[in-house]
Amino acid sequence: MDLILASTSPIRGTLLANAGVAYAAEAPGVDEAAIKAGFAGDDAALTLALGEAKARAIAERHPRGLVIGSDSLISVDGRRFDKPAGRETAAEHLRFFSGKVMELTSSAALVEGGRTVWSHAACARLAVRPLSEAFIQKYLDADWPEVSYCVGVFRLEGLGVQLFESIEGDHFTILGLPLLPLLGALRERGVLTS
């Protein structure tokens, strides 16, 4: 059975590859804005809905494959954030995050034959330190456009670690994929050796 990642995210791909998981990757082409519009559930339910939609889109093209769909979402003070549309939007996000707690929810789902056979969501809490305007501009000078692909305008494995005072939660969840539960699900399905 082919394992397909319904994402072209380099971070998610690297996490799987580094864990020894053989997979193919495809962009799902899902209208995320349509799914988010009017969604009444919590952040975990929304990331699961998005991840499952991405996986189902790929499963339609590969009915015999096992598809991994995933998504991540940032909430601060009850407000959900998307990837920044441009550098000024990124700066606005960082100003808003300054001195607050960021809740980062990541999910993964496995879809086989158009049916979700496993799903998991996890949340991490990241306390953003007070950020000066000078720091924000220097940070974006150094890490733009790489952080434009990141929902929280940071890469924890890079300069983005300087945004935080403390972090509670799983490292892989913060990187955008609850990897340990996913690896367990792949072992249970016989994709990986137990």
N, C-alpha and C. Protein backbone atom coordinates (compact mmCIF):
# COMPACT_ATOMS: atom_id res chain seq x y z
N MET A 1 0.85 -1.18 0.00
CA MET A 1 0.00 0.00 0.00
C MET A 1 0.89 1.24 0.00
N ASP A 2 0.55 2.18 -0.89
CA ASP A 2 1.31 3.42 -0.95
C ASP A 2 0.88 4.35 0.17
N LEU A 3 1.87 5.02 0.79
CA LEU A 3 1.61 6.01 1.81
C LEU A 3 1.84 7.37 1.17
N ILE A 4 0.84 8.24 1.26
CA ILE A 4 0.90 9.55 0.61
C ILE A 4 0.65 10.63 1.64
N LEU A 5 1.49 11.64 1.64
CA LEU A 5 1.32 12.80 2.48
C LEU A 5 0.57 13.86 1.68
N ALA A 6 -0.58 14.27 2.17
CA ALA A 6 -1.40 15.27 1.48
C ALA A 6 -0.91 16.67 1.84
N SER A 7 0.34 16.91 1.48
CA SER A 7 0.98 18.19 1.81
C SER A 7 2.31 18.26 1.09
N THR A 8 2.69 19.46 0.74
CA THR A 8 4.04 19.67 0.20
C THR A 8 4.88 20.46 1.20
N SER A 9 4.44 20.48 2.45
CA SER A 9 5.18 21.17 3.51
C SER A 9 6.55 20.54 3.69
N PRO A 10 7.61 21.32 3.52
CA PRO A 10 8.94 20.73 3.70
C PRO A 10 9.18 20.26 5.13
N ILE A 11 8.58 20.92 6.11
CA ILE A 11 8.80 20.51 7.51
C ILE A 11 8.15 19.16 7.77
N ARG A 12 6.89 18.99 7.37
CA ARG A 12 6.22 17.71 7.60
C ARG A 12 6.93 16.59 6.85
N GLY A 13 7.35 16.88 5.63
CA GLY A 13 8.08 15.88 4.85
C GLY A 13 9.39 15.48 5.50
N THR A 14 10.10 16.46 6.02
CA THR A 14 11.37 16.18 6.70
C THR A 14 11.16 15.35 7.95
N LEU A 15 10.11 15.67 8.72
CA LEU A 15 9.81 14.89 9.93
C LEU A 15 9.58 13.42 9.58
N LEU A 16 8.78 13.17 8.56
CA LEU A 16 8.52 11.77 8.15
C LEU A 16 9.79 11.10 7.64
N ALA A 17 10.52 11.79 6.77
CA ALA A 17 11.74 11.21 6.21
C ALA A 17 12.76 10.91 7.29
N ASN A 18 12.94 11.83 8.23
CA ASN A 18 13.90 11.61 9.31
C ASN A 18 13.50 10.45 10.22
N ALA A 19 12.20 10.18 10.28
CA ALA A 19 11.70 9.06 11.08
C ALA A 19 11.74 7.74 10.31
N GLY A 20 12.25 7.78 9.08
CA GLY A 20 12.38 6.57 8.27
C GLY A 20 11.10 6.13 7.59
N VAL A 21 10.17 7.04 7.40
CA VAL A 21 8.89 6.71 6.77
C VAL A 21 8.99 7.01 5.27
N ALA A 22 8.77 5.99 4.46
CA ALA A 22 8.76 6.16 3.00
C ALA A 22 7.37 6.64 2.58
N TYR A 23 7.31 7.69 1.80
CA TYR A 23 6.03 8.26 1.41
C TYR A 23 6.20 9.05 0.11
N ALA A 24 5.09 9.33 -0.53
CA ALA A 24 5.03 10.27 -1.65
C ALA A 24 4.26 11.47 -1.14
N ALA A 25 4.47 12.63 -1.74
CA ALA A 25 3.76 13.84 -1.32
C ALA A 25 3.03 14.46 -2.49
N GLU A 26 1.82 14.94 -2.23
CA GLU A 26 1.03 15.64 -3.24
C GLU A 26 0.30 16.79 -2.59
N ALA A 27 0.18 17.88 -3.33
CA ALA A 27 -0.60 19.02 -2.85
C ALA A 27 -2.08 18.68 -2.99
N PRO A 28 -2.87 18.86 -1.93
CA PRO A 28 -4.27 18.44 -1.98
C PRO A 28 -5.19 19.41 -2.73
N GLY A 29 -4.86 20.68 -2.80
CA GLY A 29 -5.70 21.64 -3.50
C GLY A 29 -7.06 21.83 -2.85
N VAL A 30 -7.12 21.88 -1.53
CA VAL A 30 -8.37 22.05 -0.79
C VAL A 30 -8.59 23.53 -0.50
N ASP A 31 -9.83 23.97 -0.60
CA ASP A 31 -10.18 25.35 -0.27
C ASP A 31 -10.34 25.46 1.24
N GLU A 32 -9.23 25.78 1.91
CA GLU A 32 -9.24 25.85 3.37
C GLU A 32 -10.16 26.96 3.89
N ALA A 33 -10.21 28.07 3.16
CA ALA A 33 -11.06 29.20 3.59
C ALA A 33 -12.52 28.78 3.64
N ALA A 34 -12.96 27.96 2.70
CA ALA A 34 -14.36 27.51 2.68
C ALA A 34 -14.66 26.62 3.89
N ILE A 35 -13.70 25.80 4.29
CA ILE A 35 -13.90 24.93 5.46
C ILE A 35 -13.93 25.77 6.74
N LYS A 36 -13.04 26.76 6.80
CA LYS A 36 -12.94 27.61 8.00
C LYS A 36 -14.14 28.54 8.16
N ALA A 37 -14.73 28.94 7.04
CA ALA A 37 -15.84 29.91 7.08
C ALA A 37 -17.01 29.36 7.90
N GLY A 38 -17.31 30.02 8.97
CA GLY A 38 -18.45 29.64 9.79
C GLY A 38 -18.27 28.37 10.60
N PHE A 39 -17.04 27.85 10.68
CA PHE A 39 -16.81 26.62 11.44
C PHE A 39 -17.07 26.90 12.91
N ALA A 40 -17.91 26.10 13.53
CA ALA A 40 -18.34 26.38 14.91
C ALA A 40 -17.55 25.59 15.95
N GLY A 41 -16.75 24.62 15.53
CA GLY A 41 -16.03 23.78 16.49
C GLY A 41 -14.79 24.45 17.05
N ASP A 42 -14.14 23.75 17.97
CA ASP A 42 -12.91 24.27 18.57
C ASP A 42 -11.73 24.07 17.62
N ASP A 43 -10.55 24.53 18.05
CA ASP A 43 -9.38 24.47 17.19
C ASP A 43 -9.00 23.04 16.81
N ALA A 44 -9.11 22.11 17.77
CA ALA A 44 -8.79 20.71 17.46
C ALA A 44 -9.73 20.17 16.38
N ALA A 45 -11.02 20.43 16.52
CA ALA A 45 -11.98 19.95 15.53
C ALA A 45 -11.72 20.57 14.16
N LEU A 46 -11.35 21.85 14.14
CA LEU A 46 -11.08 22.51 12.86
C LEU A 46 -9.83 21.95 12.20
N THR A 47 -8.75 21.75 12.95
CA THR A 47 -7.54 21.20 12.32
C THR A 47 -7.80 19.78 11.82
N LEU A 48 -8.61 19.01 12.56
CA LEU A 48 -8.94 17.67 12.10
C LEU A 48 -9.79 17.73 10.83
N ALA A 49 -10.74 18.64 10.77
CA ALA A 49 -11.58 18.78 9.57
C ALA A 49 -10.72 19.15 8.36
N LEU A 50 -9.77 20.05 8.56
CA LEU A 50 -8.89 20.47 7.47
C LEU A 50 -7.98 19.32 7.04
N GLY A 51 -7.38 18.63 8.01
CA GLY A 51 -6.49 17.51 7.69
C GLY A 51 -7.22 16.40 6.97
N GLU A 52 -8.42 16.08 7.44
CA GLU A 52 -9.20 15.03 6.79
C GLU A 52 -9.62 15.43 5.39
N ALA A 53 -9.99 16.68 5.19
CA ALA A 53 -10.37 17.15 3.85
C ALA A 53 -9.21 17.03 2.89
N LYS A 54 -8.02 17.38 3.34
CA LYS A 54 -6.82 17.27 2.49
C LYS A 54 -6.56 15.81 2.14
N ALA A 55 -6.65 14.94 3.14
CA ALA A 55 -6.40 13.52 2.89
C ALA A 55 -7.44 12.92 1.96
N ARG A 56 -8.71 13.29 2.13
CA ARG A 56 -9.75 12.76 1.24
C ARG A 56 -9.56 13.21 -0.20
N ALA A 57 -9.10 14.46 -0.37
CA ALA A 57 -8.86 14.95 -1.73
C ALA A 57 -7.81 14.10 -2.45
N ILE A 58 -6.77 13.72 -1.73
CA ILE A 58 -5.73 12.87 -2.32
C ILE A 58 -6.23 11.44 -2.46
N ALA A 59 -7.01 10.96 -1.49
CA ALA A 59 -7.53 9.58 -1.54
C ALA A 59 -8.42 9.36 -2.76
N GLU A 60 -9.10 10.43 -3.21
CA GLU A 60 -9.91 10.30 -4.43
C GLU A 60 -9.04 9.97 -5.64
N ARG A 61 -7.84 10.50 -5.67
CA ARG A 61 -6.90 10.23 -6.77
C ARG A 61 -6.18 8.89 -6.60
N HIS A 62 -6.07 8.43 -5.35
CA HIS A 62 -5.33 7.21 -5.03
C HIS A 62 -6.18 6.32 -4.12
N PRO A 63 -7.20 5.67 -4.68
CA PRO A 63 -8.14 4.91 -3.84
C PRO A 63 -7.51 3.75 -3.08
N ARG A 64 -6.34 3.28 -3.51
CA ARG A 64 -5.69 2.16 -2.82
C ARG A 64 -4.60 2.62 -1.86
N GLY A 65 -4.43 3.91 -1.75
CA GLY A 65 -3.38 4.43 -0.89
C GLY A 65 -3.88 4.71 0.52
N LEU A 66 -2.93 4.89 1.40
CA LEU A 66 -3.20 5.36 2.76
C LEU A 66 -2.66 6.78 2.79
N VAL A 67 -3.53 7.74 3.10
CA VAL A 67 -3.18 9.15 2.96
C VAL A 67 -3.12 9.81 4.33
N ILE A 68 -2.04 10.56 4.54
CA ILE A 68 -1.87 11.36 5.76
C ILE A 68 -2.31 12.79 5.44
N GLY A 69 -3.26 13.28 6.18
CA GLY A 69 -3.66 14.69 6.08
C GLY A 69 -3.35 15.37 7.40
N SER A 70 -2.90 16.60 7.34
CA SER A 70 -2.57 17.30 8.58
C SER A 70 -2.81 18.80 8.43
N ASP A 71 -2.90 19.45 9.58
CA ASP A 71 -3.06 20.89 9.57
C ASP A 71 -2.63 21.43 10.92
N SER A 72 -2.32 22.72 10.96
CA SER A 72 -1.95 23.41 12.20
C SER A 72 -2.68 24.74 12.25
N LEU A 73 -2.94 25.17 13.46
CA LEU A 73 -3.68 26.40 13.68
C LEU A 73 -3.13 27.10 14.91
N ILE A 74 -3.03 28.42 14.81
CA ILE A 74 -2.60 29.25 15.94
C ILE A 74 -3.79 30.07 16.43
N SER A 75 -3.97 30.08 17.76
CA SER A 75 -4.96 30.97 18.37
C SER A 75 -4.26 31.77 19.47
N VAL A 76 -4.56 33.05 19.52
CA VAL A 76 -4.07 33.93 20.57
C VAL A 76 -5.24 34.78 21.02
N ASP A 77 -5.52 34.75 22.32
CA ASP A 77 -6.65 35.49 22.88
C ASP A 77 -7.97 35.18 22.16
N GLY A 78 -8.16 33.91 21.76
CA GLY A 78 -9.39 33.50 21.10
C GLY A 78 -9.47 33.84 19.63
N ARG A 79 -8.45 34.45 19.08
CA ARG A 79 -8.43 34.83 17.65
C ARG A 79 -7.56 33.84 16.88
N ARG A 80 -8.09 33.29 15.80
CA ARG A 80 -7.35 32.35 14.96
C ARG A 80 -6.54 33.11 13.91
N PHE A 81 -5.36 32.60 13.66
CA PHE A 81 -4.46 33.22 12.70
C PHE A 81 -4.12 32.27 11.57
N ASP A 82 -4.04 32.81 10.35
CA ASP A 82 -3.57 32.08 9.18
C ASP A 82 -2.13 32.46 8.91
N LYS A 83 -1.53 31.82 7.93
CA LYS A 83 -0.20 32.22 7.50
C LYS A 83 -0.26 33.68 7.06
N PRO A 84 0.78 34.45 7.32
CA PRO A 84 0.73 35.87 6.95
C PRO A 84 0.72 36.05 5.44
N ALA A 85 -0.09 37.00 4.97
CA ALA A 85 -0.21 37.27 3.53
C ALA A 85 1.01 38.02 3.00
N GLY A 86 1.74 38.68 3.85
CA GLY A 86 2.93 39.43 3.45
C GLY A 86 3.72 39.82 4.68
N ARG A 87 4.83 40.49 4.45
CA ARG A 87 5.71 40.84 5.56
C ARG A 87 5.03 41.78 6.56
N GLU A 88 4.27 42.75 6.10
CA GLU A 88 3.61 43.66 7.04
C GLU A 88 2.57 42.92 7.88
N THR A 89 1.86 41.99 7.26
CA THR A 89 0.91 41.17 8.02
C THR A 89 1.65 40.34 9.07
N ALA A 90 2.81 39.81 8.69
CA ALA A 90 3.62 39.05 9.64
C ALA A 90 4.02 39.92 10.82
N ALA A 91 4.43 41.15 10.55
CA ALA A 91 4.79 42.07 11.63
C ALA A 91 3.58 42.36 12.53
N GLU A 92 2.41 42.54 11.91
CA GLU A 92 1.19 42.77 12.69
C GLU A 92 0.89 41.58 13.60
N HIS A 93 1.05 40.37 13.07
CA HIS A 93 0.82 39.17 13.88
C HIS A 93 1.78 39.15 15.06
N LEU A 94 3.06 39.41 14.80
CA LEU A 94 4.05 39.37 15.88
C LEU A 94 3.75 40.43 16.94
N ARG A 95 3.31 41.60 16.52
CA ARG A 95 2.93 42.64 17.49
C ARG A 95 1.76 42.15 18.37
N PHE A 96 0.80 41.48 17.75
CA PHE A 96 -0.35 40.97 18.49
C PHE A 96 0.07 39.85 19.45
N PHE A 97 1.00 38.98 19.02
CA PHE A 97 1.44 37.86 19.84
C PHE A 97 2.27 38.31 21.04
N SER A 98 2.91 39.46 20.94
CA SER A 98 3.86 39.93 21.95
C SER A 98 3.28 39.90 23.36
N GLY A 99 3.97 39.19 24.26
CA GLY A 99 3.56 39.12 25.65
C GLY A 99 2.35 38.25 25.92
N LYS A 100 1.91 37.46 24.95
CA LYS A 100 0.70 36.64 25.11
C LYS A 100 1.03 35.16 24.95
N VAL A 101 0.05 34.33 25.23
CA VAL A 101 0.22 32.89 25.06
C VAL A 101 -0.40 32.46 23.74
N MET A 102 0.40 31.81 22.96
CA MET A 102 -0.02 31.28 21.66
C MET A 102 -0.42 29.82 21.87
N GLU A 103 -1.60 29.45 21.41
CA GLU A 103 -2.02 28.05 21.43
C GLU A 103 -1.90 27.51 20.02
N LEU A 104 -1.06 26.50 19.87
CA LEU A 104 -0.80 25.91 18.56
C LEU A 104 -1.38 24.50 18.56
N THR A 105 -2.34 24.28 17.70
CA THR A 105 -2.97 22.97 17.58
C THR A 105 -2.57 22.35 16.25
N SER A 106 -2.09 21.12 16.31
CA SER A 106 -1.74 20.37 15.09
C SER A 106 -2.49 19.05 15.10
N SER A 107 -2.86 18.60 13.92
CA SER A 107 -3.58 17.34 13.82
C SER A 107 -3.01 16.50 12.68
N ALA A 108 -3.35 15.23 12.72
CA ALA A 108 -3.05 14.32 11.63
C ALA A 108 -4.20 13.34 11.51
N ALA A 109 -4.47 12.91 10.29
CA ALA A 109 -5.52 11.93 10.04
C ALA A 109 -5.03 10.96 8.98
N LEU A 110 -5.46 9.74 9.07
CA LEU A 110 -5.19 8.74 8.04
C LEU A 110 -6.51 8.41 7.35
N VAL A 111 -6.49 8.51 6.03
CA VAL A 111 -7.68 8.21 5.23
C VAL A 111 -7.33 7.07 4.28
N GLU A 112 -8.21 6.08 4.26
CA GLU A 112 -8.03 4.93 3.38
C GLU A 112 -9.37 4.63 2.72
N GLY A 113 -9.37 4.53 1.41
CA GLY A 113 -10.60 4.25 0.70
C GLY A 113 -11.67 5.31 0.94
N GLY A 114 -11.26 6.55 1.13
CA GLY A 114 -12.20 7.64 1.33
C GLY A 114 -12.74 7.74 2.75
N ARG A 115 -12.27 6.88 3.66
CA ARG A 115 -12.77 6.83 5.03
C ARG A 115 -11.63 7.14 6.01
N THR A 116 -11.92 7.98 7.00
CA THR A 116 -10.93 8.27 8.04
C THR A 116 -10.82 7.05 8.95
N VAL A 117 -9.60 6.51 9.03
CA VAL A 117 -9.37 5.31 9.85
C VAL A 117 -8.64 5.64 11.15
N TRP A 118 -8.11 6.85 11.26
CA TRP A 118 -7.42 7.28 12.49
C TRP A 118 -7.25 8.79 12.44
N SER A 119 -7.34 9.43 13.59
CA SER A 119 -7.06 10.86 13.65
C SER A 119 -6.60 11.23 15.06
N HIS A 120 -5.87 12.32 15.14
CA HIS A 120 -5.34 12.78 16.43
C HIS A 120 -5.06 14.27 16.34
N ALA A 121 -5.38 14.99 17.40
CA ALA A 121 -5.03 16.42 17.50
C ALA A 121 -4.36 16.67 18.84
N ALA A 122 -3.42 17.59 18.84
CA ALA A 122 -2.71 17.95 20.07
C ALA A 122 -2.48 19.45 20.09
N CYS A 123 -2.38 19.99 21.30
CA CYS A 123 -2.19 21.42 21.47
C CYS A 123 -0.94 21.70 22.29
N ALA A 124 -0.21 22.71 21.89
CA ALA A 124 0.95 23.20 22.64
C ALA A 124 0.70 24.66 23.00
N ARG A 125 1.26 25.08 24.11
CA ARG A 125 1.12 26.47 24.56
C ARG A 125 2.50 27.11 24.58
N LEU A 126 2.62 28.21 23.86
CA LEU A 126 3.90 28.90 23.74
C LEU A 126 3.74 30.33 24.26
N ALA A 127 4.48 30.65 25.30
CA ALA A 127 4.42 31.99 25.89
C ALA A 127 5.39 32.90 25.13
N VAL A 128 4.83 33.86 24.42
CA VAL A 128 5.64 34.79 23.63
C VAL A 128 6.14 35.89 24.57
N ARG A 129 7.41 36.15 24.52
CA ARG A 129 7.97 37.22 25.35
C ARG A 129 7.56 38.56 24.76
N PRO A 130 7.66 39.65 25.53
CA PRO A 130 7.40 40.97 24.95
C PRO A 130 8.40 41.25 23.82
N LEU A 131 7.89 41.62 22.67
CA LEU A 131 8.73 41.83 21.48
C LEU A 131 8.78 43.31 21.15
N SER A 132 9.98 43.85 21.03
CA SER A 132 10.13 45.25 20.64
C SER A 132 9.96 45.36 19.12
N GLU A 133 9.62 46.55 18.66
CA GLU A 133 9.50 46.79 17.22
C GLU A 133 10.85 46.55 16.54
N ALA A 134 11.93 46.94 17.20
CA ALA A 134 13.27 46.72 16.63
C ALA A 134 13.54 45.23 16.46
N PHE A 135 13.17 44.43 17.46
CA PHE A 135 13.37 42.99 17.35
C PHE A 135 12.54 42.42 16.21
N ILE A 136 11.26 42.81 16.13
CA ILE A 136 10.37 42.29 15.09
C ILE A 136 10.96 42.55 13.71
N GLN A 137 11.44 43.77 13.46
CA GLN A 137 11.99 44.09 12.15
C GLN A 137 13.28 43.34 11.88
N LYS A 138 14.14 43.25 12.88
CA LYS A 138 15.41 42.52 12.72
C LYS A 138 15.13 41.03 12.47
N TYR A 139 14.17 40.49 13.20
CA TYR A 139 13.79 39.09 13.03
C TYR A 139 13.27 38.83 11.62
N LEU A 140 12.37 39.68 11.14
CA LEU A 140 11.83 39.50 9.79
C LEU A 140 12.89 39.73 8.72
N ASP A 141 13.82 40.67 8.96
CA ASP A 141 14.94 40.86 8.03
C ASP A 141 15.73 39.57 7.87
N ALA A 142 15.92 38.86 8.98
CA ALA A 142 16.74 37.65 8.96
C ALA A 142 16.00 36.42 8.47
N ASP A 143 14.70 36.32 8.77
CA ASP A 143 13.99 35.05 8.51
C ASP A 143 12.85 35.14 7.50
N TRP A 144 12.73 36.27 6.82
CA TRP A 144 11.72 36.39 5.77
C TRP A 144 12.36 36.04 4.44
N PRO A 145 11.77 35.26 3.56
CA PRO A 145 10.38 34.83 3.54
C PRO A 145 10.12 33.46 4.16
N GLU A 146 11.14 32.81 4.72
CA GLU A 146 10.96 31.45 5.25
C GLU A 146 9.79 31.36 6.22
N VAL A 147 9.63 32.35 7.11
CA VAL A 147 8.54 32.27 8.09
C VAL A 147 7.18 32.62 7.50
N SER A 148 7.15 33.05 6.25
CA SER A 148 5.86 33.33 5.61
C SER A 148 5.05 32.06 5.41
N TYR A 149 5.70 30.90 5.43
CA TYR A 149 5.02 29.63 5.24
C TYR A 149 4.55 29.04 6.57
N CYS A 150 4.80 29.77 7.67
CA CYS A 150 4.52 29.25 9.01
C CYS A 150 3.36 30.02 9.64
N VAL A 151 2.37 29.30 10.13
CA VAL A 151 1.17 29.93 10.65
C VAL A 151 1.45 30.86 11.82
N GLY A 152 2.45 30.57 12.62
CA GLY A 152 2.77 31.43 13.77
C GLY A 152 3.90 32.39 13.51
N VAL A 153 4.33 32.50 12.25
CA VAL A 153 5.43 33.38 11.83
C VAL A 153 6.72 33.00 12.56
N PHE A 154 6.94 31.71 12.76
CA PHE A 154 8.20 31.28 13.37
C PHE A 154 8.54 29.86 12.94
N ARG A 155 9.83 29.60 12.96
CA ARG A 155 10.36 28.25 12.82
C ARG A 155 11.12 27.97 14.10
N LEU A 156 10.61 27.04 14.89
CA LEU A 156 11.21 26.76 16.19
C LEU A 156 12.65 26.27 16.03
N GLU A 157 12.94 25.64 14.92
CA GLU A 157 14.28 25.11 14.69
C GLU A 157 15.25 26.20 14.22
N GLY A 158 14.78 27.44 14.16
CA GLY A 158 15.62 28.56 13.73
C GLY A 158 15.51 29.72 14.70
N LEU A 159 15.61 30.93 14.17
CA LEU A 159 15.55 32.13 15.00
C LEU A 159 14.23 32.29 15.75
N GLY A 160 13.19 31.63 15.28
CA GLY A 160 11.88 31.73 15.91
C GLY A 160 11.87 31.33 17.37
N VAL A 161 12.83 30.52 17.79
CA VAL A 161 12.90 30.13 19.20
C VAL A 161 13.09 31.35 20.09
N GLN A 162 13.63 32.43 19.55
CA GLN A 162 13.85 33.64 20.34
C GLN A 162 12.55 34.38 20.67
N LEU A 163 11.44 33.99 20.07
CA LEU A 163 10.16 34.65 20.36
C LEU A 163 9.60 34.25 21.73
N PHE A 164 10.07 33.16 22.30
CA PHE A 164 9.37 32.55 23.42
C PHE A 164 10.10 32.62 24.75
N GLU A 165 9.29 32.72 25.82
CA GLU A 165 9.78 32.63 27.20
C GLU A 165 9.69 31.20 27.69
N SER A 166 8.61 30.51 27.32
CA SER A 166 8.42 29.12 27.73
C SER A 166 7.52 28.41 26.73
N ILE A 167 7.65 27.09 26.73
CA ILE A 167 6.87 26.26 25.81
C ILE A 167 6.39 25.03 26.56
N GLU A 168 5.10 24.74 26.42
CA GLU A 168 4.50 23.52 26.99
C GLU A 168 3.89 22.74 25.84
N GLY A 169 4.35 21.52 25.66
CA GLY A 169 3.76 20.70 24.61
C GLY A 169 4.81 19.93 23.84
N ASP A 170 4.32 19.06 23.01
CA ASP A 170 5.15 18.17 22.22
C ASP A 170 5.88 18.92 21.10
N HIS A 171 7.16 18.67 20.98
CA HIS A 171 8.00 19.33 19.97
C HIS A 171 7.45 19.14 18.55
N PHE A 172 7.05 17.92 18.23
CA PHE A 172 6.57 17.63 16.88
C PHE A 172 5.23 18.32 16.59
N THR A 173 4.39 18.42 17.60
CA THR A 173 3.13 19.15 17.45
C THR A 173 3.43 20.59 17.07
N ILE A 174 4.42 21.18 17.73
CA ILE A 174 4.80 22.56 17.44
C ILE A 174 5.32 22.70 16.01
N LEU A 175 6.02 21.69 15.54
CA LEU A 175 6.53 21.72 14.16
C LEU A 175 5.44 21.45 13.12
N GLY A 176 4.24 21.06 13.57
CA GLY A 176 3.12 20.94 12.64
C GLY A 176 2.60 19.55 12.37
N LEU A 177 3.11 18.56 13.11
CA LEU A 177 2.65 17.19 12.88
C LEU A 177 2.81 16.39 14.18
N PRO A 178 1.72 15.90 14.77
CA PRO A 178 1.85 15.07 15.98
C PRO A 178 2.46 13.71 15.60
N LEU A 179 3.78 13.70 15.48
CA LEU A 179 4.49 12.59 14.85
C LEU A 179 4.44 11.29 15.65
N LEU A 180 4.63 11.34 16.96
CA LEU A 180 4.68 10.10 17.72
C LEU A 180 3.36 9.33 17.65
N PRO A 181 2.20 9.97 17.86
CA PRO A 181 0.94 9.23 17.68
C PRO A 181 0.76 8.72 16.24
N LEU A 182 1.20 9.51 15.26
CA LEU A 182 1.08 9.09 13.86
C LEU A 182 1.93 7.85 13.60
N LEU A 183 3.15 7.84 14.10
CA LEU A 183 4.01 6.66 13.92
C LEU A 183 3.38 5.43 14.56
N GLY A 184 2.77 5.61 15.73
CA GLY A 184 2.07 4.49 16.37
C GLY A 184 0.93 3.97 15.52
N ALA A 185 0.17 4.88 14.91
CA ALA A 185 -0.94 4.47 14.05
C ALA A 185 -0.43 3.75 12.80
N LEU A 186 0.69 4.20 12.27
CA LEU A 186 1.26 3.53 11.10
C LEU A 186 1.77 2.13 11.46
N ARG A 187 2.31 1.97 12.68
CA ARG A 187 2.72 0.63 13.11
C ARG A 187 1.49 -0.27 13.28
N GLU A 188 0.43 0.27 13.88
CA GLU A 188 -0.79 -0.53 14.06
C GLU A 188 -1.38 -0.98 12.74
N ARG A 189 -1.21 -0.19 11.70
CA ARG A 189 -1.76 -0.55 10.39
C ARG A 189 -0.79 -1.38 9.57
N GLY A 190 0.39 -1.69 10.12
CA GLY A 190 1.37 -2.54 9.44
C GLY A 190 2.21 -1.80 8.41
N VAL A 191 2.11 -0.48 8.36
CA VAL A 191 2.92 0.30 7.42
C VAL A 191 4.36 0.36 7.90
N LEU A 192 4.56 0.44 9.22
CA LEU A 192 5.88 0.41 9.82
C LEU A 192 6.01 -0.87 10.65
N THR A 193 7.21 -1.35 10.80
CA THR A 193 7.47 -2.56 11.60
C THR A 193 7.28 -2.24 13.08
N SER A 194 6.57 -3.13 13.75
CA SER A 194 6.32 -2.95 15.20
C SER A 194 7.57 -3.22 16.01
